C-alpha atoms as a PDB file:
ATOM      1  CA  UNK A   1      -7.882 -10.076 -27.127  1.00  0.00           C
ATOM      2  CA  UNK A   2      -8.157 -12.406 -24.162  1.00  0.00           C
ATOM      3  CA  UNK A   3      -9.057 -11.206 -20.678  1.00  0.00           C
ATOM      4  CA  UNK A   4      -5.488 -11.661 -19.462  1.00  0.00           C
ATOM      5  CA  UNK A   5      -4.013  -9.686 -22.385  1.00  0.00           C
ATOM      6  CA  UNK A   6      -6.566  -6.921 -21.810  1.00  0.00           C
ATOM      7  CA  UNK A   7      -5.594  -6.886 -18.132  1.00  0.00           C
ATOM      8  CA  UNK A   8      -1.928  -6.334 -19.084  1.00  0.00           C
ATOM      9  CA  UNK A   9      -2.895  -3.457 -21.384  1.00  0.00           C
ATOM     10  CA  UNK A  10      -5.064  -1.884 -18.666  1.00  0.00           C
ATOM     11  CA  UNK A  11      -2.298  -2.249 -16.047  1.00  0.00           C
ATOM     12  CA  UNK A  12       0.192  -0.576 -18.395  1.00  0.00           C
ATOM     13  CA  UNK A  13      -2.225   2.302 -19.006  1.00  0.00           C
ATOM     14  CA  UNK A  14      -2.842   2.651 -15.256  1.00  0.00           C
ATOM     15  CA  UNK A  15       0.945   2.934 -14.806  1.00  0.00           C
ATOM     16  CA  UNK A  16       1.064   5.696 -17.424  1.00  0.00           C
ATOM     17  CA  UNK A  17       2.585   3.488 -20.117  1.00  0.00           C
ATOM     18  CA  UNK A  18       1.635   3.213 -23.735  1.00  0.00           C
ATOM     19  CA  UNK A  19       2.488  -0.268 -24.956  1.00  0.00           C
ATOM     20  CA  UNK A  20       1.653  -2.152 -28.099  1.00  0.00           C
ATOM     21  CA  UNK A  21       0.820  -5.788 -27.466  1.00  0.00           C
ATOM     22  CA  UNK A  22       1.858  -7.973 -30.359  1.00  0.00           C
ATOM     23  CA  UNK A  23       0.298 -11.369 -31.008  1.00  0.00           C
ATOM     24  CA  UNK A  24       2.958 -13.499 -32.649  1.00  0.00           C
ATOM     25  CA  UNK A  25       2.061 -16.265 -35.094  1.00  0.00           C
ATOM     26  CA  UNK A  26       4.180 -18.716 -33.107  1.00  0.00           C
ATOM     27  CA  UNK A  27       4.732 -19.412 -29.415  1.00  0.00           C
ATOM     28  CA  UNK A  28       6.763 -17.046 -27.247  1.00  0.00           C
ATOM     29  CA  UNK A  29       6.603 -19.324 -24.173  1.00  0.00           C
ATOM     30  CA  UNK A  30      10.378 -19.767 -23.924  1.00  0.00           C
ATOM     31  CA  UNK A  31      13.054 -17.083 -24.039  1.00  0.00           C
ATOM     32  CA  UNK A  32      14.485 -18.583 -27.241  1.00  0.00           C
ATOM     33  CA  UNK A  33      11.070 -18.639 -28.943  1.00  0.00           C
ATOM     34  CA  UNK A  34      10.360 -15.077 -27.831  1.00  0.00           C
ATOM     35  CA  UNK A  35      13.743 -13.786 -29.042  1.00  0.00           C
ATOM     36  CA  UNK A  36      13.219 -15.391 -32.438  1.00  0.00           C
ATOM     37  CA  UNK A  37       9.698 -13.966 -32.724  1.00  0.00           C
ATOM     38  CA  UNK A  38      10.733 -10.471 -31.584  1.00  0.00           C
ATOM     39  CA  UNK A  39      13.947 -10.366 -33.599  1.00  0.00           C
ATOM     40  CA  UNK A  40      16.045  -9.457 -30.566  1.00  0.00           C
ATOM     41  CA  UNK A  41      18.852 -10.903 -28.495  1.00  0.00           C
ATOM     42  CA  UNK A  42      17.760 -13.560 -26.000  1.00  0.00           C
ATOM     43  CA  UNK A  43      19.163 -11.351 -23.218  1.00  0.00           C
ATOM     44  CA  UNK A  44      16.441  -8.756 -24.040  1.00  0.00           C
ATOM     45  CA  UNK A  45      13.673 -11.210 -23.173  1.00  0.00           C
ATOM     46  CA  UNK A  46      12.124 -10.792 -19.732  1.00  0.00           C
ATOM     47  CA  UNK A  47      11.464 -14.169 -18.160  1.00  0.00           C
ATOM     48  CA  UNK A  48       8.686 -13.791 -15.563  1.00  0.00           C
ATOM     49  CA  UNK A  49       9.475 -16.565 -13.103  1.00  0.00           C
ATOM     50  CA  UNK A  50       7.119 -17.230 -10.221  1.00  0.00           C
ATOM     51  CA  UNK A  51       8.436 -18.890  -7.077  1.00  0.00           C
ATOM     52  CA  UNK A  52       6.776 -19.693  -3.783  1.00  0.00           C
ATOM     53  CA  UNK A  53       8.263 -18.713  -0.440  1.00  0.00           C
ATOM     54  CA  UNK A  54       9.190 -21.865   1.456  1.00  0.00           C
ATOM     55  CA  UNK A  55       8.180 -20.321   4.788  1.00  0.00           C
ATOM     56  CA  UNK A  56       5.366 -17.878   4.002  1.00  0.00           C
ATOM     57  CA  UNK A  57       3.894 -19.577   0.938  1.00  0.00           C
ATOM     58  CA  UNK A  58       3.705 -16.147  -0.731  1.00  0.00           C
ATOM     59  CA  UNK A  59       4.415 -15.964  -4.432  1.00  0.00           C
ATOM     60  CA  UNK A  60       7.487 -14.038  -5.573  1.00  0.00           C
ATOM     61  CA  UNK A  61       8.035 -12.755  -9.121  1.00  0.00           C
ATOM     62  CA  UNK A  62      11.558 -12.684 -10.516  1.00  0.00           C
ATOM     63  CA  UNK A  63      12.012 -10.789 -13.789  1.00  0.00           C
ATOM     64  CA  UNK A  64      15.129 -12.285 -15.318  1.00  0.00           C
ATOM     65  CA  UNK A  65      17.029 -11.724 -18.546  1.00  0.00           C
ATOM     66  CA  UNK A  66      16.488 -14.569 -21.006  1.00  0.00           C
ATOM     67  CA  UNK A  67      20.258 -15.117 -21.103  1.00  0.00           C
ATOM     68  CA  UNK A  68      20.531 -15.649 -17.337  1.00  0.00           C
ATOM     69  CA  UNK A  69      19.735 -18.511 -15.001  1.00  0.00           C
ATOM     70  CA  UNK A  70      18.412 -17.667 -11.546  1.00  0.00           C
ATOM     71  CA  UNK A  71      20.784 -18.447  -8.694  1.00  0.00           C
ATOM     72  CA  UNK A  72      18.213 -19.789  -6.212  1.00  0.00           C
ATOM     73  CA  UNK A  73      20.494 -19.360  -3.198  1.00  0.00           C
ATOM     74  CA  UNK A  74      21.143 -15.726  -4.099  1.00  0.00           C
ATOM     75  CA  UNK A  75      17.447 -15.133  -4.828  1.00  0.00           C
ATOM     76  CA  UNK A  76      16.422 -16.763  -1.540  1.00  0.00           C
ATOM     77  CA  UNK A  77      18.796 -14.459   0.346  1.00  0.00           C
ATOM     78  CA  UNK A  78      17.252 -11.455  -1.431  1.00  0.00           C
ATOM     79  CA  UNK A  79      13.645 -12.414  -0.682  1.00  0.00           C
ATOM     80  CA  UNK A  80      14.420 -13.532   2.858  1.00  0.00           C
ATOM     81  CA  UNK A  81      13.273 -17.145   2.660  1.00  0.00           C
ATOM     82  CA  UNK A  82      13.908 -20.362   0.734  1.00  0.00           C
ATOM     83  CA  UNK A  83      12.231 -20.531  -2.681  1.00  0.00           C
ATOM     84  CA  UNK A  84      10.515 -23.404  -4.414  1.00  0.00           C
ATOM     85  CA  UNK A  85       8.763 -23.695  -7.754  1.00  0.00           C
ATOM     86  CA  UNK A  86       5.206 -22.495  -7.558  1.00  0.00           C
ATOM     87  CA  UNK A  87       2.362 -24.794  -8.529  1.00  0.00           C
ATOM     88  CA  UNK A  88       1.013 -23.817 -11.989  1.00  0.00           C
ATOM     89  CA  UNK A  89      -2.583 -23.916 -10.722  1.00  0.00           C
ATOM     90  CA  UNK A  90      -1.733 -21.562  -7.858  1.00  0.00           C
ATOM     91  CA  UNK A  91       0.143 -19.250 -10.255  1.00  0.00           C
ATOM     92  CA  UNK A  92      -2.952 -19.022 -12.432  1.00  0.00           C
ATOM     93  CA  UNK A  93      -5.281 -18.433  -9.465  1.00  0.00           C
ATOM     94  CA  UNK A  94      -3.157 -15.659  -7.939  1.00  0.00           C
ATOM     95  CA  UNK A  95      -1.722 -13.939 -11.011  1.00  0.00           C
ATOM     96  CA  UNK A  96      -4.436 -14.721 -13.546  1.00  0.00           C
ATOM     97  CA  UNK A  97      -1.807 -15.994 -15.986  1.00  0.00           C
ATOM     98  CA  UNK A  98      -0.802 -19.460 -17.106  1.00  0.00           C
ATOM     99  CA  UNK A  99       2.854 -20.469 -17.016  1.00  0.00           C
ATOM    100  CA  UNK A 100       4.416 -19.348 -20.315  1.00  0.00           C
ATOM    101  CA  UNK A 101       2.284 -16.223 -20.474  1.00  0.00           C
ATOM    102  CA  UNK A 102       2.956 -14.677 -17.046  1.00  0.00           C
ATOM    103  CA  UNK A 103       3.320 -10.964 -17.541  1.00  0.00           C
ATOM    104  CA  UNK A 104       5.212  -8.606 -15.258  1.00  0.00           C
ATOM    105  CA  UNK A 105       2.050  -6.430 -15.241  1.00  0.00           C
ATOM    106  CA  UNK A 106      -1.638  -7.014 -14.591  1.00  0.00           C
ATOM    107  CA  UNK A 107      -1.661  -9.651 -11.870  1.00  0.00           C
ATOM    108  CA  UNK A 108      -4.996 -10.349 -10.170  1.00  0.00           C
ATOM    109  CA  UNK A 109      -3.233 -10.126  -6.802  1.00  0.00           C
ATOM    110  CA  UNK A 110      -0.075  -8.035  -6.322  1.00  0.00           C
ATOM    111  CA  UNK A 111       3.094 -10.126  -6.195  1.00  0.00           C
ATOM    112  CA  UNK A 112       6.337  -8.815  -4.719  1.00  0.00           C
ATOM    113  CA  UNK A 113       8.798  -8.438  -7.594  1.00  0.00           C
ATOM    114  CA  UNK A 114      12.557  -8.416  -8.113  1.00  0.00           C
ATOM    115  CA  UNK A 115      14.173  -7.522 -11.442  1.00  0.00           C
ATOM    116  CA  UNK A 116      17.477  -8.705 -12.873  1.00  0.00           C
ATOM    117  CA  UNK A 117      19.830  -5.718 -13.138  1.00  0.00           C
ATOM    118  CA  UNK A 118      20.923  -7.004 -16.566  1.00  0.00           C
ATOM    119  CA  UNK A 119      17.592  -5.866 -18.042  1.00  0.00           C
ATOM    120  CA  UNK A 120      18.479  -2.211 -17.398  1.00  0.00           C
ATOM    121  CA  UNK A 121      21.408  -2.473 -19.818  1.00  0.00           C
ATOM    122  CA  UNK A 122      19.260  -2.530 -22.964  1.00  0.00           C
ATOM    123  CA  UNK A 123      17.388   0.201 -24.792  1.00  0.00           C
ATOM    124  CA  UNK A 124      14.293  -1.977 -24.690  1.00  0.00           C
ATOM    125  CA  UNK A 125      13.285  -5.426 -23.495  1.00  0.00           C
ATOM    126  CA  UNK A 126      10.400  -7.729 -24.425  1.00  0.00           C
ATOM    127  CA  UNK A 127       7.993  -9.241 -21.895  1.00  0.00           C
ATOM    128  CA  UNK A 128       5.043 -11.617 -21.953  1.00  0.00           C
ATOM    129  CA  UNK A 129       1.658  -9.953 -22.274  1.00  0.00           C
ATOM    130  CA  UNK A 130      -0.642 -12.533 -20.723  1.00  0.00           C
ATOM    131  CA  UNK A 131      -0.754 -15.241 -23.396  1.00  0.00           C
ATOM    132  CA  UNK A 132       1.782 -17.746 -24.779  1.00  0.00           C
ATOM    133  CA  UNK A 133       2.102 -15.763 -28.019  1.00  0.00           C
ATOM    134  CA  UNK A 134       1.630 -12.178 -26.787  1.00  0.00           C
ATOM    135  CA  UNK A 135       4.506  -9.791 -26.012  1.00  0.00           C
ATOM    136  CA  UNK A 136       5.225  -6.115 -25.522  1.00  0.00           C
ATOM    137  CA  UNK A 137       8.334  -3.970 -25.770  1.00  0.00           C
ATOM    138  CA  UNK A 138       9.332  -1.618 -22.933  1.00  0.00           C
ATOM    139  CA  UNK A 139      12.402   0.061 -21.483  1.00  0.00           C
ATOM    140  CA  UNK A 140      13.926  -1.628 -18.472  1.00  0.00           C
ATOM    141  CA  UNK A 141      13.480   1.517 -16.407  1.00  0.00           C
ATOM    142  CA  UNK A 142       9.779   1.785 -17.295  1.00  0.00           C
ATOM    143  CA  UNK A 143       9.307  -1.895 -16.449  1.00  0.00           C
ATOM    144  CA  UNK A 144      10.997  -1.417 -13.081  1.00  0.00           C
ATOM    145  CA  UNK A 145       8.865   1.614 -12.316  1.00  0.00           C
ATOM    146  CA  UNK A 146       5.589   0.010 -13.434  1.00  0.00           C
ATOM    147  CA  UNK A 147       6.150  -3.182 -11.436  1.00  0.00           C
ATOM    148  CA  UNK A 148       7.745  -1.598  -8.378  1.00  0.00           C
ATOM    149  CA  UNK A 149      10.485  -4.188  -8.729  1.00  0.00           C
ATOM    150  CA  UNK A 150      13.571  -4.231  -6.572  1.00  0.00           C
ATOM    151  CA  UNK A 151      16.668  -4.304  -8.799  1.00  0.00           C
ATOM    152  CA  UNK A 152      19.019  -7.153  -7.930  1.00  0.00           C
ATOM    153  CA  UNK A 153      21.746  -9.461  -9.181  1.00  0.00           C
ATOM    154  CA  UNK A 154      19.686 -12.625  -9.640  1.00  0.00           C
ATOM    155  CA  UNK A 155      22.144 -14.664 -11.732  1.00  0.00           C
END
């Protein structure tokens, strides 16, 4: 396994979670690709979206259901500042993950996190595990607890 995938596994273990990281034969970079690979509804896919605070420059992680689009005005009100897309190079430097493989767990530097309330409505959800073809299954509650995410209406 790659360093980033190992970091996700170690972060899960440190949070008291036992997860199985699956390496899919095809890409899981998009919510549609991940849903097809995992055999689940697109709404059960956790999109890990990284934004940059327009005032502080701090990265913000939004965990969003694959079926939902982020309402940037609503998200900006929740985080307390305007949001802009983060630079992929900066995302990699701070989180240790490339876009398309950003995991909710195992960041090099802690990132303040908000989680779409929709994800709590499923028995399990699927999230990226540090590579564009690596995923893991987890309950929404366990994901919230492990990431310290604030639950919010992000759509």
